[in-house]
């Protein structure tokens, strides 16, 4: 195998490894974003709706 073919193989292997890492990071990032968005939505729901319905005035 020539040096050029070996270099192409190494770059191909590195790029495929990076693509897998990015896919895993994207999943973690999406979970984090949806978790934060859900928390903010529930906090807004609490402060604007449930707090006004409570007889104790929380």
PDB file of N, CA and C in Angstrom:
ATOM      1  N   UNK A   1       0.846  -1.178   0.000  1.00  0.00           N
ATOM      2  CA  UNK A   1       0.000   0.000   0.000  1.00  0.00           C
ATOM      3  C   UNK A   1       0.890   1.241   0.000  1.00  0.00           C
ATOM      4  N   UNK A   2       0.498   2.213  -0.750  1.00  0.00           N
ATOM      5  CA  UNK A   2       1.306   3.433  -0.843  1.00  0.00           C
ATOM      6  C   UNK A   2       1.072   4.327   0.373  1.00  0.00           C
ATOM      7  N   UNK A   3       1.926   5.306   0.515  1.00  0.00           N
ATOM      8  CA  UNK A   3       1.790   6.239   1.636  1.00  0.00           C
ATOM      9  C   UNK A   3       0.496   7.040   1.521  1.00  0.00           C
ATOM     10  N   UNK A   4       0.119   7.388   0.302  1.00  0.00           N
ATOM     11  CA  UNK A   4      -1.116   8.146   0.092  1.00  0.00           C
ATOM     12  C   UNK A   4      -2.340   7.325   0.499  1.00  0.00           C
ATOM     13  N   UNK A   5      -2.342   6.042   0.139  1.00  0.00           N
ATOM     14  CA  UNK A   5      -3.452   5.164   0.522  1.00  0.00           C
ATOM     15  C   UNK A   5      -3.527   4.981   2.027  1.00  0.00           C
ATOM     16  N   UNK A   6      -2.370   4.860   2.663  1.00  0.00           N
ATOM     17  CA  UNK A   6      -2.338   4.718   4.119  1.00  0.00           C
ATOM     18  C   UNK A   6      -2.849   5.991   4.785  1.00  0.00           C
ATOM     19  N   UNK A   7      -2.441   7.133   4.271  1.00  0.00           N
ATOM     20  CA  UNK A   7      -2.887   8.411   4.828  1.00  0.00           C
ATOM     21  C   UNK A   7      -4.395   8.568   4.669  1.00  0.00           C
ATOM     22  N   UNK A   8      -4.925   8.199   3.516  1.00  0.00           N
ATOM     23  CA  UNK A   8      -6.378   8.266   3.305  1.00  0.00           C
ATOM     24  C   UNK A   8      -7.111   7.373   4.297  1.00  0.00           C
ATOM     25  N   UNK A   9      -6.572   6.168   4.511  1.00  0.00           N
ATOM     26  CA  UNK A   9      -7.202   5.245   5.452  1.00  0.00           C
ATOM     27  C   UNK A   9      -7.215   5.794   6.867  1.00  0.00           C
ATOM     28  N   UNK A  10      -6.101   6.413   7.266  1.00  0.00           N
ATOM     29  CA  UNK A  10      -6.027   6.988   8.614  1.00  0.00           C
ATOM     30  C   UNK A  10      -7.033   8.129   8.761  1.00  0.00           C
ATOM     31  N   UNK A  11      -7.100   9.014   7.767  1.00  0.00           N
ATOM     32  CA  UNK A  11      -8.057  10.122   7.835  1.00  0.00           C
ATOM     33  C   UNK A  11      -9.494   9.620   7.828  1.00  0.00           C
ATOM     34  N   UNK A  12      -9.766   8.600   7.036  1.00  0.00           N
ATOM     35  CA  UNK A  12     -11.118   8.030   6.987  1.00  0.00           C
ATOM     36  C   UNK A  12     -11.507   7.463   8.354  1.00  0.00           C
ATOM     37  N   UNK A  13     -10.563   6.773   8.990  1.00  0.00           N
ATOM     38  CA  UNK A  13     -10.821   6.188  10.301  1.00  0.00           C
ATOM     39  C   UNK A  13     -11.041   7.291  11.341  1.00  0.00           C
ATOM     40  N   UNK A  14     -10.239   8.343  11.286  1.00  0.00           N
ATOM     41  CA  UNK A  14     -10.399   9.446  12.237  1.00  0.00           C
ATOM     42  C   UNK A  14     -11.743  10.141  12.052  1.00  0.00           C
ATOM     43  N   UNK A  15     -12.132  10.379  10.808  1.00  0.00           N
ATOM     44  CA  UNK A  15     -13.406  11.057  10.551  1.00  0.00           C
ATOM     45  C   UNK A  15     -14.599  10.218  10.985  1.00  0.00           C
ATOM     46  N   UNK A  16     -14.536   8.912  10.770  1.00  0.00           N
ATOM     47  CA  UNK A  16     -15.653   8.064  11.202  1.00  0.00           C
ATOM     48  C   UNK A  16     -15.742   8.036  12.725  1.00  0.00           C
ATOM     49  N   UNK A  17     -14.602   8.028  13.406  1.00  0.00           N
ATOM     50  CA  UNK A  17     -14.611   8.078  14.868  1.00  0.00           C
ATOM     51  C   UNK A  17     -15.162   9.393  15.382  1.00  0.00           C
ATOM     52  N   UNK A  18     -14.792  10.486  14.723  1.00  0.00           N
ATOM     53  CA  UNK A  18     -15.316  11.790  15.130  1.00  0.00           C
ATOM     54  C   UNK A  18     -16.814  11.876  14.893  1.00  0.00           C
ATOM     55  N   UNK A  19     -17.304  11.299  13.809  1.00  0.00           N
ATOM     56  CA  UNK A  19     -18.741  11.328  13.519  1.00  0.00           C
ATOM     57  C   UNK A  19     -19.521  10.587  14.602  1.00  0.00           C
ATOM     58  N   UNK A  20     -19.002   9.443  15.059  1.00  0.00           N
ATOM     59  CA  UNK A  20     -19.677   8.701  16.127  1.00  0.00           C
ATOM     60  C   UNK A  20     -19.683   9.508  17.417  1.00  0.00           C
ATOM     61  N   UNK A  21     -18.569  10.161  17.730  1.00  0.00           N
ATOM     62  CA  UNK A  21     -18.514  10.978  18.940  1.00  0.00           C
ATOM     63  C   UNK A  21     -19.511  12.125  18.876  1.00  0.00           C
ATOM     64  N   UNK A  22     -19.630  12.771  17.705  1.00  0.00           N
ATOM     65  CA  UNK A  22     -20.576  13.872  17.567  1.00  0.00           C
ATOM     66  C   UNK A  22     -22.009  13.395  17.728  1.00  0.00           C
ATOM     67  N   UNK A  23     -22.325  12.197  17.230  1.00  0.00           N
ATOM     68  CA  UNK A  23     -23.686  11.673  17.378  1.00  0.00           C
ATOM     69  C   UNK A  23     -24.011  11.450  18.846  1.00  0.00           C
ATOM     70  N   UNK A  24     -23.066  10.916  19.606  1.00  0.00           N
ATOM     71  CA  UNK A  24     -23.300  10.706  21.031  1.00  0.00           C
ATOM     72  C   UNK A  24     -23.431  12.038  21.754  1.00  0.00           C
ATOM     73  N   UNK A  25     -22.601  13.003  21.389  1.00  0.00           N
ATOM     74  CA  UNK A  25     -22.677  14.312  22.028  1.00  0.00           C
ATOM     75  C   UNK A  25     -23.982  15.005  21.681  1.00  0.00           C
ATOM     76  N   UNK A  26     -24.465  14.851  20.453  1.00  0.00           N
ATOM     77  CA  UNK A  26     -25.739  15.450  20.066  1.00  0.00           C
ATOM     78  C   UNK A  26     -26.874  14.895  20.912  1.00  0.00           C
ATOM     79  N   UNK A  27     -26.880  13.584  21.156  1.00  0.00           N
ATOM     80  CA  UNK A  27     -27.932  12.987  21.979  1.00  0.00           C
ATOM     81  C   UNK A  27     -27.895  13.563  23.388  1.00  0.00           C
ATOM     82  N   UNK A  28     -26.704  13.679  23.964  1.00  0.00           N
ATOM     83  CA  UNK A  28     -26.591  14.238  25.309  1.00  0.00           C
ATOM     84  C   UNK A  28     -27.021  15.704  25.327  1.00  0.00           C
ATOM     85  N   UNK A  29     -26.643  16.441  24.288  1.00  0.00           N
ATOM     86  CA  UNK A  29     -27.005  17.853  24.206  1.00  0.00           C
ATOM     87  C   UNK A  29     -28.514  18.017  24.098  1.00  0.00           C
ATOM     88  N   UNK A  30     -29.169  17.191  23.263  1.00  0.00           N
ATOM     89  CA  UNK A  30     -30.621  17.276  23.126  1.00  0.00           C
ATOM     90  C   UNK A  30     -31.317  16.930  24.439  1.00  0.00           C
ATOM     91  N   UNK A  31     -30.817  15.923  25.144  1.00  0.00           N
ATOM     92  CA  UNK A  31     -31.414  15.582  26.439  1.00  0.00           C
ATOM     93  C   UNK A  31     -31.275  16.739  27.415  1.00  0.00           C
ATOM     94  N   UNK A  32     -30.113  17.385  27.409  1.00  0.00           N
ATOM     95  CA  UNK A  32     -29.893  18.521  28.294  1.00  0.00           C
ATOM     96  C   UNK A  32     -30.824  19.677  27.942  1.00  0.00           C
ATOM     97  N   UNK A  33     -30.951  19.986  26.659  1.00  0.00           N
ATOM     98  CA  UNK A  33     -31.807  21.096  26.227  1.00  0.00           C
ATOM     99  C   UNK A  33     -33.264  20.821  26.575  1.00  0.00           C
ATOM    100  N   UNK A  34     -33.745  19.599  26.306  1.00  0.00           N
ATOM    101  CA  UNK A  34     -35.137  19.287  26.622  1.00  0.00           C
ATOM    102  C   UNK A  34     -35.372  19.259  28.132  1.00  0.00           C
ATOM    103  N   UNK A  35     -34.391  18.838  28.895  1.00  0.00           N
ATOM    104  CA  UNK A  35     -34.523  18.861  30.351  1.00  0.00           C
ATOM    105  C   UNK A  35     -34.636  20.277  30.884  1.00  0.00           C
ATOM    106  N   UNK A  36     -33.791  21.167  30.402  1.00  0.00           N
ATOM    107  CA  UNK A  36     -33.836  22.563  30.837  1.00  0.00           C
ATOM    108  C   UNK A  36     -35.137  23.218  30.386  1.00  0.00           C
ATOM    109  N   UNK A  37     -35.562  22.956  29.151  1.00  0.00           N
ATOM    110  CA  UNK A  37     -36.809  23.536  28.647  1.00  0.00           C
ATOM    111  C   UNK A  37     -38.005  23.027  29.457  1.00  0.00           C
ATOM    112  N   UNK A  38     -38.013  21.755  29.802  1.00  0.00           N
ATOM    113  CA  UNK A  38     -39.091  21.211  30.620  1.00  0.00           C
ATOM    114  C   UNK A  38     -39.118  21.826  32.006  1.00  0.00           C
ATOM    115  N   UNK A  39     -37.942  22.019  32.589  1.00  0.00           N
ATOM    116  CA  UNK A  39     -37.864  22.638  33.908  1.00  0.00           C
ATOM    117  C   UNK A  39     -38.387  24.073  33.868  1.00  0.00           C
ATOM    118  N   UNK A  40     -37.995  24.825  32.859  1.00  0.00           N
ATOM    119  CA  UNK A  40     -38.453  26.213  32.733  1.00  0.00           C
ATOM    120  C   UNK A  40     -39.962  26.256  32.511  1.00  0.00           C
ATOM    121  N   UNK A  41     -40.483  25.359  31.688  1.00  0.00           N
ATOM    122  CA  UNK A  41     -41.929  25.328  31.437  1.00  0.00           C
ATOM    123  C   UNK A  41     -42.695  25.015  32.722  1.00  0.00           C
ATOM    124  N   UNK A  42     -42.216  24.068  33.499  1.00  0.00           N
ATOM    125  CA  UNK A  42     -42.902  23.733  34.749  1.00  0.00           C
ATOM    126  C   UNK A  42     -42.777  24.861  35.767  1.00  0.00           C
ATOM    127  N   UNK A  43     -41.641  25.548  35.788  1.00  0.00           N
ATOM    128  CA  UNK A  43     -41.482  26.684  36.701  1.00  0.00           C
ATOM    129  C   UNK A  43     -42.453  27.801  36.334  1.00  0.00           C
ATOM    130  N   UNK A  44     -42.587  28.080  35.046  1.00  0.00           N
ATOM    131  CA  UNK A  44     -43.544  29.108  34.621  1.00  0.00           C
ATOM    132  C   UNK A  44     -44.974  28.693  34.947  1.00  0.00           C
ATOM    133  N   UNK A  45     -45.288  27.422  34.731  1.00  0.00           N
ATOM    134  CA  UNK A  45     -46.616  26.914  35.069  1.00  0.00           C
ATOM    135  C   UNK A  45     -46.884  27.095  36.557  1.00  0.00           C
ATOM    136  N   UNK A  46     -45.896  26.792  37.380  1.00  0.00           N
ATOM    137  CA  UNK A  46     -46.053  26.924  38.826  1.00  0.00           C
ATOM    138  C   UNK A  46     -46.269  28.383  39.215  1.00  0.00           C
ATOM    139  N   UNK A  47     -45.422  29.269  38.722  1.00  0.00           N
ATOM    140  CA  UNK A  47     -45.486  30.655  39.161  1.00  0.00           C
ATOM    141  C   UNK A  47     -46.709  31.396  38.641  1.00  0.00           C
ATOM    142  N   UNK A  48     -47.218  31.021  37.478  1.00  0.00           N
ATOM    143  CA  UNK A  48     -48.336  31.774  36.922  1.00  0.00           C
ATOM    144  C   UNK A  48     -49.697  31.140  37.167  1.00  0.00           C
ATOM    145  N   UNK A  49     -49.785  29.838  37.357  1.00  0.00           N
ATOM    146  CA  UNK A  49     -51.089  29.189  37.497  1.00  0.00           C
ATOM    147  C   UNK A  49     -51.295  28.600  38.885  1.00  0.00           C
ATOM    148  N   UNK A  50     -50.429  27.706  39.295  1.00  0.00           N
ATOM    149  CA  UNK A  50     -50.658  27.019  40.563  1.00  0.00           C
ATOM    150  C   UNK A  50     -50.522  27.956  41.757  1.00  0.00           C
ATOM    151  N   UNK A  51     -49.650  28.919  41.674  1.00  0.00           N
ATOM    152  CA  UNK A  51     -49.465  29.826  42.798  1.00  0.00           C
ATOM    153  C   UNK A  51     -50.714  30.665  43.031  1.00  0.00           C
ATOM    154  N   UNK A  52     -51.393  31.048  41.966  1.00  0.00           N
ATOM    155  CA  UNK A  52     -52.600  31.863  42.108  1.00  0.00           C
ATOM    156  C   UNK A  52     -53.803  31.038  42.547  1.00  0.00           C
ATOM    157  N   UNK A  53     -53.775  29.739  42.340  1.00  0.00           N
ATOM    158  CA  UNK A  53     -54.897  28.888  42.719  1.00  0.00           C
ATOM    159  C   UNK A  53     -54.795  28.414  44.163  1.00  0.00           C
ATOM    160  N   UNK A  54     -53.660  28.584  44.792  1.00  0.00           N
ATOM    161  CA  UNK A  54     -53.453  28.066  46.139  1.00  0.00           C
ATOM    162  C   UNK A  54     -54.148  28.965  47.167  1.00  0.00           C
ATOM    163  N   UNK A  55     -54.890  28.379  48.105  1.00  0.00           N
ATOM    164  CA  UNK A  55     -55.548  29.201  49.128  1.00  0.00           C
ATOM    165  C   UNK A  55     -54.567  29.724  50.177  1.00  0.00           C
ATOM    166  N   UNK A  56     -53.357  29.173  50.225  1.00  0.00           N
ATOM    167  CA  UNK A  56     -52.390  29.563  51.250  1.00  0.00           C
ATOM    168  C   UNK A  56     -51.451  30.671  50.783  1.00  0.00           C
ATOM    169  N   UNK A  57     -51.477  31.039  49.517  1.00  0.00           N
ATOM    170  CA  UNK A  57     -50.663  32.135  49.007  1.00  0.00           C
ATOM    171  C   UNK A  57     -49.175  31.845  48.970  1.00  0.00           C
ATOM    172  N   UNK A  58     -48.790  30.711  48.420  1.00  0.00           N
ATOM    173  CA  UNK A  58     -47.364  30.366  48.332  1.00  0.00           C
ATOM    174  C   UNK A  58     -46.637  31.316  47.440  1.00  0.00           C
TER     175      UNK A  58
END
